[in-house]
Protein backbone atom coordinates (compact mmCIF):
# COMPACT_ATOMS: atom_id res chain seq x y z
CA MET A 1 -27.81 -1.19 16.85
CA LYS A 2 -23.95 -1.13 17.07
CA VAL A 3 -22.46 1.26 14.44
CA THR A 4 -19.61 -1.22 12.97
CA GLU A 5 -16.54 0.35 11.68
CA MET A 6 -17.84 -0.34 8.21
CA HIS A 7 -20.47 1.61 8.61
CA ARG A 8 -18.33 4.34 9.05
CA TRP A 9 -16.91 4.33 6.08
CA VAL A 10 -19.66 3.21 3.38
CA GLY A 11 -22.78 3.94 5.41
CA ASP A 12 -25.21 1.25 4.79
CA VAL A 13 -23.68 -1.87 4.69
CA GLU A 14 -25.88 -4.36 3.29
CA GLU A 15 -26.68 -2.28 0.73
CA PHE A 16 -22.82 -1.40 -0.13
CA MET A 17 -22.23 -5.26 0.04
CA SER A 18 -24.96 -6.05 -2.40
CA THR A 19 -24.78 -2.83 -5.00
CA HIS A 20 -20.66 -1.79 -4.89
CA TRP A 21 -18.87 -4.14 -3.78
CA ARG A 22 -16.48 -6.25 -6.54
CA ARG A 23 -18.95 -4.66 -8.61
CA GLU A 24 -18.40 -0.46 -8.84
CA PRO A 25 -15.80 1.95 -7.25
CA VAL A 26 -18.10 4.75 -5.93
CA VAL A 27 -17.29 7.83 -3.13
CA PHE A 28 -19.01 8.37 -0.25
CA ASP A 29 -19.59 11.32 2.03
CA THR A 30 -19.27 9.66 5.56
CA ALA A 31 -16.30 11.41 7.21
CA PRO A 32 -15.62 8.44 9.50
CA PRO A 33 -12.63 9.42 11.96
CA THR A 34 -9.52 9.52 10.83
CA PRO A 35 -6.73 7.85 13.09
CA MET A 36 -3.72 9.69 11.74
CA THR A 37 -3.05 13.74 11.17
CA LEU A 38 -0.98 15.77 9.48
CA ALA A 39 0.26 16.63 12.59
CA ASP A 40 0.45 13.13 13.99
CA ILE A 41 3.07 12.78 10.61
CA ASP A 42 4.97 15.46 12.09
CA THR A 43 5.12 13.73 15.42
CA ALA A 44 6.52 11.14 13.88
CA LEU A 45 9.11 12.73 11.88
CA ALA A 46 10.19 14.56 14.53
CA GLY A 47 10.95 11.42 16.71
CA GLY A 48 13.69 10.55 14.25
CA MET A 49 12.34 6.73 14.36
CA LEU A 50 11.17 6.41 11.26
CA ARG A 51 13.00 4.93 8.61
CA SER A 52 12.25 3.04 4.97
CA PRO A 53 10.55 0.51 3.89
CA HIS A 54 7.90 2.50 6.23
CA VAL A 55 8.68 6.18 4.74
CA GLU A 56 8.48 5.67 1.06
CA MET A 57 8.72 8.90 -1.31
CA CYS A 58 7.16 8.47 -5.12
CA ARG A 59 6.73 10.08 -7.90
CA ALA A 60 4.76 8.69 -11.20
CA GLY A 61 7.62 8.05 -14.14
CA LYS A 62 10.62 8.52 -11.78
CA ASP A 63 12.46 6.30 -9.57
CA ILE A 64 13.33 7.96 -6.13
CA ALA A 65 16.05 6.38 -4.67
CA VAL A 66 16.23 5.52 -0.79
CA LYS A 67 19.39 7.17 -0.46
CA GLU A 68 17.68 10.23 -1.74
CA TYR A 69 14.98 10.66 1.70
CA THR A 70 17.14 8.89 4.36
CA GLN A 71 19.69 9.84 6.34
CA ALA A 72 22.55 7.43 8.37
CA ARG A 73 23.33 7.19 12.08
CA GLU A 74 25.79 6.40 13.94
CA VAL A 75 24.19 4.63 17.04
CA HIS A 76 27.34 2.99 19.47
CA SER A 77 29.72 3.39 16.52
CA LYS A 78 27.37 0.83 14.77
CA SER A 79 26.09 2.83 11.60
CA ALA A 80 22.52 2.02 11.19
CA PHE A 81 20.88 3.40 7.98
CA GLY A 82 17.38 4.43 6.28
CA PHE A 83 16.74 6.75 9.01
CA ALA A 84 13.78 9.22 7.60
CA ASP A 85 15.22 13.01 6.40
CA SER A 86 11.96 15.22 7.50
CA GLU A 87 13.84 18.59 5.55
CA ALA A 88 15.41 16.06 2.27
CA ILE A 89 11.65 14.43 2.57
CA LEU A 90 10.15 18.32 2.27
CA GLY A 91 12.44 19.37 -0.02
CA LEU A 92 11.34 16.47 -2.31
CA MET A 93 7.52 17.28 -1.83
CA GLU A 94 8.53 21.22 -3.13
CA ALA A 95 9.45 19.28 -6.02
CA GLY A 96 6.66 17.25 -6.43
CA THR A 97 7.35 14.52 -4.93
CA THR A 98 4.47 12.43 -2.97
CA LEU A 99 5.55 11.09 0.84
CA LEU A 100 4.05 7.24 0.95
CA LEU A 101 3.97 5.96 4.77
CA ARG A 102 3.37 2.14 4.22
CA ASN A 103 1.88 -0.15 6.82
CA THR A 104 1.21 2.15 9.91
CA GLU A 105 -0.75 -0.07 11.42
CA GLN A 106 2.79 -1.19 12.48
CA TRP A 107 3.85 1.52 13.91
CA HIS A 108 0.83 3.97 14.76
CA ARG A 109 -1.18 2.64 17.66
CA PRO A 110 -4.91 4.39 16.83
CA THR A 111 -4.19 3.13 13.24
CA ALA A 112 -3.07 -0.47 14.16
CA GLU A 113 -6.80 -0.37 16.22
CA LEU A 114 -8.98 0.43 13.57
CA VAL A 115 -7.18 -1.87 11.16
CA ALA A 116 -8.17 -4.69 13.61
CA ARG A 117 -11.77 -3.78 13.87
CA LEU A 118 -12.09 -3.51 10.41
CA ALA A 119 -10.10 -6.83 9.91
CA ASP A 120 -12.80 -8.72 12.27
CA GLU A 121 -15.35 -7.20 10.52
CA VAL A 122 -14.05 -8.42 7.01
CA ASP A 123 -12.81 -11.35 8.18
CA ARG A 124 -9.64 -10.14 6.20
CA ARG A 125 -5.81 -9.31 6.12
CA VAL A 126 -6.25 -5.46 6.21
CA GLU A 127 -3.18 -2.80 5.62
CA ALA A 128 -3.19 0.93 5.75
CA PHE A 129 -1.15 3.47 3.88
CA PHE A 130 -0.94 7.20 4.30
CA PHE A 131 -0.70 9.10 1.21
CA VAL A 132 0.99 12.98 1.51
CA THR A 133 0.96 14.57 -2.43
CA PRO A 134 1.16 18.01 -3.23
CA PRO A 135 -1.00 20.47 -5.70
CA GLY A 136 -0.77 19.22 -8.86
CA SER A 137 1.53 16.03 -8.32
CA GLN A 138 1.31 12.34 -9.19
CA GLY A 139 2.62 9.85 -6.84
CA LEU A 140 1.93 6.74 -8.83
CA PRO A 141 1.27 5.29 -12.38
CA VAL A 142 -2.05 4.05 -13.49
CA HIS A 143 -2.21 0.25 -11.73
CA ARG A 144 -3.74 -2.05 -9.94
CA ASP A 145 -3.99 -3.56 -6.55
CA ASP A 146 -4.72 -6.84 -5.08
CA ALA A 147 -7.10 -5.26 -2.49
CA ASP A 148 -10.70 -3.95 -2.25
CA VAL A 149 -9.34 -0.04 -1.22
CA LEU A 150 -11.58 2.49 1.00
CA LEU A 151 -9.61 5.43 0.89
CA LEU A 152 -10.77 8.35 3.27
CA GLN A 153 -9.31 11.88 2.09
CA VAL A 154 -8.06 13.53 5.36
CA ALA A 155 -6.75 16.64 4.22
CA GLY A 156 -7.30 18.57 0.97
CA SER A 157 -8.86 17.40 -2.37
CA LYS A 158 -7.45 14.51 -4.93
CA LYS A 159 -8.75 13.86 -8.78
CA TRP A 160 -8.83 10.43 -8.91
CA THR A 161 -9.89 8.28 -12.03
CA VAL A 162 -10.70 4.69 -11.76
CA ARG A 163 -11.54 2.62 -14.86
CA SER A 164 -12.69 -0.70 -15.54
CA GLY A 165 -11.34 -4.40 -13.42
CA PRO A 166 -9.79 -7.22 -14.73
CA THR A 167 -11.22 -8.99 -17.62
CA GLY A 168 -9.84 -12.19 -16.77
CA HIS A 169 -8.68 -14.60 -13.62
CA HIS A 170 -4.76 -14.17 -14.81
CA TRP A 171 -4.71 -10.82 -13.46
CA ARG A 172 -1.41 -9.18 -12.09
CA ALA A 173 -1.15 -6.49 -9.39
CA GLY A 174 0.84 -3.39 -10.19
CA GLY A 175 1.37 -1.02 -12.84
CA VAL A 176 -0.50 -0.98 -16.16
CA ALA A 177 0.81 -2.08 -19.49
CA GLY A 178 -1.40 -0.79 -22.29
CA ASP A 179 -4.78 -0.52 -22.13
CA PRO A 180 -6.23 0.24 -18.93
CA GLY A 181 -9.77 -0.17 -19.65
CA ALA A 182 -12.76 2.21 -19.85
CA VAL A 183 -13.21 5.07 -17.69
CA LEU A 184 -15.59 3.70 -14.52
CA LEU A 185 -14.96 7.15 -12.58
CA ASP A 186 -13.40 10.38 -12.05
CA ALA A 187 -14.56 12.25 -9.66
CA THR A 188 -12.52 14.87 -7.05
CA VAL A 189 -12.53 13.36 -3.73
CA SER A 190 -12.75 16.14 -0.87
CA THR A 191 -11.78 15.95 2.83
CA GLY A 192 -14.07 13.70 4.54
CA GLN A 193 -15.14 12.09 1.39
CA VAL A 194 -14.40 8.29 1.09
CA LEU A 195 -13.76 6.56 -2.35
CA TYR A 196 -13.91 2.72 -2.62
CA ILE A 197 -12.22 1.05 -5.57
CA PRO A 198 -12.82 -2.84 -6.24
CA ARG A 199 -9.58 -4.84 -6.22
CA GLY A 200 -8.44 -5.29 -9.71
CA TYR A 201 -9.26 -2.54 -10.90
CA ALA A 202 -6.85 0.13 -12.34
CA HIS A 203 -6.70 3.45 -11.25
CA SER A 204 -4.63 6.97 -10.54
CA ALA A 205 -4.51 10.28 -9.10
CA VAL A 206 -3.26 13.82 -9.35
CA GLY A 207 -3.37 15.90 -6.16
CA ASP A 208 -6.24 18.81 -6.85
CA GLN A 209 -6.90 21.54 -3.69
CA GLY A 210 -4.42 22.28 -1.39
CA LEU A 211 -1.62 19.32 0.47
CA SER A 212 -3.12 15.84 -0.21
CA ALA A 213 -3.06 14.08 2.65
CA HIS A 214 -5.28 9.93 2.45
CA LEU A 215 -5.72 7.31 4.14
CA SER A 216 -6.03 4.01 2.41
CA LEU A 217 -7.25 0.63 4.30
CA THR A 218 -6.75 -2.37 1.96
CA ILE A 219 -8.80 -4.97 2.19
CA ARG A 220 -7.01 -8.34 0.91
CA GLU A 221 -7.99 -11.50 -0.29
CA ILE A 222 -6.28 -14.47 -0.66
CA GLY A 223 -4.76 -16.21 -3.68
CA ALA A 224 -3.69 -19.53 -5.16
CA VAL A 225 -1.32 -19.46 -3.28
CA ASP A 226 -2.98 -19.36 0.32
CA LEU A 227 -4.99 -22.45 -0.44
CA VAL A 228 -2.63 -23.99 -1.30
CA ARG A 229 -1.16 -23.51 1.59
CA SER A 230 -3.94 -23.71 3.67
CA VAL A 231 -4.82 -27.48 2.61
CA PRO A 232 -1.99 -29.14 4.32
CA LYS A 233 -2.66 -27.31 7.57
CA LEU A 234 -5.67 -28.33 7.97
CA LEU A 235 -4.91 -32.41 7.13
CA LEU A 236 -2.08 -32.37 8.96
CA ASP A 237 -2.29 -29.34 11.72
CA LYS A 238 -2.85 -31.79 14.60
CA VAL A 239 -0.81 -34.85 14.03
CA GLN A 240 2.22 -36.05 15.99
CA LEU A 241 4.96 -37.95 15.07
CA PRO A 242 8.37 -38.12 16.46
CA ALA A 243 10.58 -36.38 15.44
CA LEU A 244 13.31 -38.54 14.31
CA PRO A 245 12.57 -42.22 13.55
CA LEU A 246 15.70 -44.57 13.96
CA ASP A 247 14.77 -46.79 10.42
CA GLU A 248 12.91 -47.70 8.03
CA SER A 249 9.91 -49.52 9.80
CA ALA A 250 9.27 -45.93 11.68
CA LEU A 251 9.70 -43.84 8.63
CA LEU A 252 6.49 -46.69 7.06
CA ASP A 253 4.87 -46.30 10.19
CA SER A 254 4.88 -41.92 10.10
CA ALA A 255 3.92 -41.92 7.08
CA ALA A 256 1.35 -44.49 7.50
CA THR A 257 -0.03 -42.27 10.55
CA LEU A 258 0.19 -39.30 7.63
CA LEU A 259 -2.30 -40.43 4.83
CA GLU A 260 -4.37 -42.39 7.69
CA ALA A 261 -4.67 -38.60 9.45
CA ALA A 262 -5.09 -36.94 5.92
CA ASN A 263 -7.10 -39.54 4.68
CA LYS A 264 -9.73 -39.15 7.35
CA GLN A 265 -9.55 -35.21 7.40
CA LEU A 266 -10.06 -34.68 3.36
CA ALA A 267 -13.16 -37.16 4.00
CA THR A 268 -15.31 -34.15 5.96
CA LEU A 269 -13.48 -31.15 4.79
CA GLU A 270 -15.56 -28.38 2.15
CA PRO A 271 -14.11 -26.34 -0.43
CA HIS A 272 -15.91 -22.93 2.13
CA ASP A 273 -13.85 -24.90 4.95
CA VAL A 274 -10.43 -24.36 2.90
CA VAL A 275 -10.98 -20.57 1.83
CA ARG A 276 -12.20 -19.60 5.67
CA HIS A 277 -9.17 -20.98 7.09
CA ALA A 278 -6.60 -19.36 3.90
CA ARG A 279 -8.33 -15.78 4.83
CA ALA A 280 -8.25 -16.17 8.56
CA LEU A 281 -4.13 -17.53 8.67
CA GLN A 282 -3.34 -14.46 5.99
CA ARG A 283 -5.09 -12.16 8.63
CA ASP A 284 -3.74 -13.33 11.48
CA GLN A 285 -0.16 -13.59 10.35
CA HIS A 286 0.36 -9.84 9.47
CA LEU A 287 -1.88 -8.07 11.71
CA ASN A 288 -0.38 -5.96 15.00
CA ASP A 289 -1.53 -7.53 18.01
CA ALA A 290 0.48 -5.98 20.65
CA ASP A 291 -1.12 -6.24 23.70
CA PRO A 292 -1.54 -2.35 25.07
CA ALA A 293 -1.43 -3.67 28.47
CA ALA A 294 2.00 -4.96 27.76
CA SER A 295 3.44 -1.87 28.74
CA LEU A 296 6.83 -0.71 30.72
CA VAL A 297 4.12 1.85 32.70
CA GLY A 298 1.70 -1.27 32.97
CA PHE A 299 4.62 -3.17 34.63
CA GLY A 300 5.85 -0.53 37.01
CA GLU A 301 2.71 0.01 38.23
CA ARG A 302 2.73 -3.68 39.09
CA LEU A 303 6.00 -3.33 40.98
CA GLU A 304 4.73 -0.55 43.04
CA HIS A 305 1.31 -2.23 43.74
CA PRO A 306 2.07 -6.19 43.62
CA LYS A 307 -1.47 -8.28 43.80
CA PRO A 308 -1.64 -10.66 47.49
């Protein structure tokens, strides 16, 4: 039996989907392998190429200006801004600030491979975020994510409070103003454990024992905007028209061709076709799909050993 990525994170996938998915938060003792460690972050910071917005510092109730944890560099007599300043970052962490690495799948190959596998399994866009929080500190206020979240505690532990989800379809992601809802889960997540938070469920966390590090995989869902964008592509994607019709007659002919093609496609199109297309469109636009074989090492080897 093939072990899927989702199985590594939640165990019995069928039970998870029928019992917990979009219904309730839950903690698993699955201990999946992590693609990124604190040592990897040290290496990335020491490499000097990490910069904003991939690097962010956050503390609940306080805005941390980018200039407080980044520095400018001069490259070929030109100033470049936003490079992560590791000393400034550590200083802010000592004062209780959380380090947030955004979209690590865009610059860390092992994380990109994990995200690609999971996105293929769930047929949705997946992104990765890595949080490092000092003990007793809170990085973000109570908020809702427009995504289902699978969270692996990589180091230390963190206290989580997860509350109820939205009561209607017209809700917004981000900070929660007013009553965040009833508490559904109040738990300390330890190293190796996985926390699942359903889409839109309000939540917050505070660092517990040791330096807390966790990887969040956000499984995005499409919305009305994605559906609206998808319909014209489904109806007209294969229609070929002259780029610059020269007169009124040619313009009318092009419009007639569009309407004929749209009506033909519309007659066979089903709602699930639109949803599936919109999800695929969103997923494929955000995956880091760079081919590992497209490397300088491989190019050099081809030069040394050309094909006959």
